Amino acid sequence: AQQGRVREKVYGKQKIYFADQEQLPAASDAELRGLDGEIAARSAQLQALQQSCRHMEAELKDLNSSMTTPEIAREIEALRKDCASYTEKLERIKSATNHVTPEEKEKVCREQQLYRREWRRRKRMATELLDAILEGYPKSKKQFFEEVGIETDEDHGVVLPATT
């Protein structure tokens, strides 16, 4: 600082030393424009490198998350086995001789509908009859059913099939 190469500034108890820029040669406007151009070129180069780096990192991430060749080979083998078993099952189904024709299916559906309707009708009739008897019966419905020996659908967990 005493020789003049370094300048000193005092801020309270602190002292700051820095190079004396007055001793450095002043840059011309042409040099400044050249340096600005170089900065711009380097900034563009930096942007291009950063973009390339991001692209490579994304590609690396994709490659790391994808399957390796041995894993793919195992997966293909497992899929081929599944395909073969499904093909065999399909052939067994196709070669079966006990196919149901659409007419037989329709006949069975009509019969089921008839039986379901009859079941509802008879259950309703029985319920109405039992309700009429229970009007004059002094004990509870449960006691009456036990005494007479009546078992209901609900006692056995039977549910009327839904309409199809």
Protein backbone atom coordinates (compact mmCIF):
# COMPACT_ATOMS: atom_id res chain seq x y z
CA ALA A 1 0.00 0.00 0.00
CA GLN A 2 2.90 2.38 0.78
CA GLN A 3 4.48 1.64 -2.60
CA GLY A 4 1.18 2.38 -4.39
CA ARG A 5 0.60 -0.99 -5.99
CA VAL A 6 -2.24 -1.86 -3.65
CA ARG A 7 -4.88 0.55 -2.35
CA GLU A 8 -6.29 0.52 1.13
CA LYS A 9 -9.77 1.51 2.36
CA VAL A 10 -10.69 1.72 6.01
CA TYR A 11 -14.25 0.93 7.17
CA GLY A 12 -14.33 1.43 10.91
CA LYS A 13 -11.92 -1.14 12.35
CA GLN A 14 -11.67 -3.05 9.09
CA LYS A 15 -9.23 -2.42 6.28
CA ILE A 16 -9.77 -3.59 2.73
CA TYR A 17 -6.90 -3.94 0.24
CA PHE A 18 -7.36 -4.15 -3.54
CA ALA A 19 -5.23 -3.70 -6.64
CA ASP A 20 -4.83 -0.15 -7.86
CA GLN A 21 -6.49 -0.16 -11.27
CA GLU A 22 -5.16 3.25 -12.21
CA GLN A 23 -1.77 1.64 -12.84
CA LEU A 24 -3.28 -0.79 -15.38
CA PRO A 25 -3.46 0.28 -19.00
CA ALA A 26 -6.92 1.46 -20.14
CA ALA A 27 -8.63 -0.73 -22.74
CA SER A 28 -9.72 0.87 -25.98
CA ASP A 29 -13.29 0.72 -27.30
CA ALA A 30 -12.22 -1.80 -29.94
CA GLU A 31 -10.70 -4.07 -27.28
CA LEU A 32 -13.88 -3.76 -25.15
CA ARG A 33 -16.07 -4.61 -28.12
CA GLY A 34 -13.80 -7.57 -28.89
CA LEU A 35 -14.02 -8.76 -25.28
CA ASP A 36 -17.83 -8.31 -25.34
CA GLY A 37 -17.98 -10.37 -28.54
CA GLU A 38 -15.80 -13.04 -26.98
CA ILE A 39 -18.04 -13.09 -23.89
CA ALA A 40 -21.13 -13.45 -26.09
CA ALA A 41 -19.49 -16.24 -28.10
CA ARG A 42 -18.41 -18.07 -24.93
CA SER A 43 -21.89 -17.60 -23.42
CA ALA A 44 -23.46 -19.11 -26.55
CA GLN A 45 -20.93 -21.95 -26.43
CA LEU A 46 -21.77 -22.48 -22.73
CA GLN A 47 -25.51 -22.59 -23.52
CA ALA A 48 -24.91 -25.12 -26.30
CA LEU A 49 -22.79 -27.30 -23.99
CA GLN A 50 -25.36 -27.10 -21.20
CA GLN A 51 -28.14 -28.08 -23.63
CA SER A 52 -26.03 -30.97 -24.89
CA CYS A 53 -25.32 -32.03 -21.31
CA ARG A 54 -29.05 -31.97 -20.43
CA HIS A 55 -29.82 -34.01 -23.55
CA MET A 56 -27.14 -36.57 -22.65
CA GLU A 57 -28.36 -36.77 -19.03
CA ALA A 58 -31.91 -37.42 -20.24
CA GLU A 59 -30.63 -40.11 -22.60
CA LEU A 60 -28.61 -41.66 -19.77
CA LYS A 61 -31.68 -41.66 -17.53
CA ASP A 62 -33.70 -43.39 -20.27
CA LEU A 63 -30.99 -45.98 -20.78
CA ASN A 64 -30.64 -46.64 -17.05
CA SER A 65 -34.41 -47.11 -16.66
CA SER A 66 -34.70 -49.48 -19.63
CA MET A 67 -34.18 -53.22 -19.42
CA THR A 68 -30.85 -54.86 -20.10
CA THR A 69 -30.42 -57.45 -22.84
CA PRO A 70 -30.51 -60.45 -20.45
CA GLU A 71 -33.62 -59.06 -18.71
CA ILE A 72 -35.35 -58.61 -22.07
CA ALA A 73 -34.40 -62.14 -23.08
CA ARG A 74 -35.93 -63.52 -19.86
CA GLU A 75 -39.07 -61.41 -20.36
CA ILE A 76 -39.43 -62.62 -23.97
CA GLU A 77 -39.03 -66.23 -22.86
CA ALA A 78 -41.70 -65.81 -20.17
CA LEU A 79 -44.07 -64.18 -22.67
CA ARG A 80 -43.50 -66.99 -25.17
CA LYS A 81 -44.35 -69.57 -22.49
CA ASP A 82 -47.52 -67.65 -21.59
CA CYS A 83 -48.45 -67.39 -25.26
CA ALA A 84 -47.91 -71.14 -25.76
CA SER A 85 -50.06 -72.02 -22.74
CA TYR A 86 -52.83 -69.68 -23.91
CA THR A 87 -52.66 -71.12 -27.42
CA GLU A 88 -52.92 -74.64 -26.00
CA LYS A 89 -55.87 -73.63 -23.84
CA LEU A 90 -57.57 -72.02 -26.84
CA GLU A 91 -57.08 -75.18 -28.90
CA ARG A 92 -58.58 -77.30 -26.09
CA ILE A 93 -61.59 -75.00 -25.96
CA LYS A 94 -62.01 -75.02 -29.74
CA SER A 95 -61.73 -78.80 -29.96
CA ALA A 96 -64.26 -79.40 -27.18
CA THR A 97 -67.36 -81.19 -28.40
CA ASN A 98 -69.78 -79.93 -25.76
CA HIS A 99 -70.45 -76.49 -27.19
CA VAL A 100 -73.70 -74.78 -26.23
CA THR A 101 -75.71 -73.53 -29.15
CA PRO A 102 -77.38 -70.12 -28.99
CA GLU A 103 -80.79 -71.85 -29.09
CA GLU A 104 -79.93 -74.00 -26.05
CA LYS A 105 -78.63 -70.94 -24.21
CA GLU A 106 -81.81 -68.99 -24.98
CA LYS A 107 -83.94 -71.94 -23.80
CA VAL A 108 -82.05 -72.14 -20.49
CA CYS A 109 -82.36 -68.36 -19.96
CA ARG A 110 -86.13 -68.52 -20.58
CA GLU A 111 -86.50 -71.43 -18.15
CA GLN A 112 -84.48 -69.58 -15.50
CA GLN A 113 -86.67 -66.52 -15.94
CA LEU A 114 -89.81 -68.67 -15.59
CA TYR A 115 -88.53 -70.38 -12.43
CA ARG A 116 -87.42 -67.07 -10.93
CA ARG A 117 -90.85 -65.54 -11.56
CA GLU A 118 -92.55 -68.60 -10.01
CA TRP A 119 -90.22 -68.46 -7.00
CA ARG A 120 -91.15 -64.80 -6.40
CA ARG A 121 -94.87 -65.51 -6.78
CA ARG A 122 -94.81 -68.45 -4.36
CA LYS A 123 -92.66 -66.59 -1.83
CA ARG A 124 -95.07 -63.64 -1.93
CA MET A 125 -98.06 -65.96 -1.46
CA ALA A 126 -96.39 -67.74 1.48
CA THR A 127 -95.43 -64.44 3.10
CA GLU A 128 -98.99 -63.10 2.76
CA LEU A 129 -100.42 -66.31 4.23
CA LEU A 130 -97.99 -66.28 7.16
CA ASP A 131 -98.66 -62.60 7.82
CA ALA A 132 -102.41 -63.36 7.96
CA ILE A 133 -101.80 -66.18 10.47
CA LEU A 134 -99.47 -64.00 12.56
CA GLU A 135 -102.16 -61.29 12.97
CA GLY A 136 -103.99 -63.48 15.46
CA TYR A 137 -100.96 -65.30 16.87
CA PRO A 138 -99.96 -64.18 20.39
CA LYS A 139 -96.21 -64.90 20.08
CA SER A 140 -93.52 -63.40 17.84
CA LYS A 141 -92.91 -64.30 14.22
CA LYS A 142 -89.63 -66.03 15.10
CA GLN A 143 -91.31 -68.18 17.75
CA PHE A 144 -94.10 -69.13 15.34
CA PHE A 145 -91.57 -70.17 12.66
CA GLU A 146 -89.68 -72.31 15.19
CA GLU A 147 -92.88 -73.92 16.51
CA VAL A 148 -94.20 -74.78 13.05
CA GLY A 149 -90.74 -75.62 11.61
CA ILE A 150 -90.59 -73.01 8.84
CA GLU A 151 -87.18 -72.24 7.35
CA THR A 152 -86.87 -69.08 5.25
CA ASP A 153 -84.49 -68.22 2.42
CA GLU A 154 -82.83 -65.69 4.71
CA ASP A 155 -82.13 -68.39 7.35
CA HIS A 156 -79.99 -70.22 4.79
CA GLY A 157 -78.52 -67.13 3.11
CA VAL A 158 -80.33 -67.79 -0.16
CA VAL A 159 -80.82 -64.75 -2.39
CA LEU A 160 -83.19 -64.58 -5.32
CA PRO A 161 -81.13 -64.41 -8.54
CA ALA A 162 -81.02 -61.07 -10.29
CA THR A 163 -82.87 -60.56 -13.55
CA THR A 164 -80.62 -61.00 -16.59
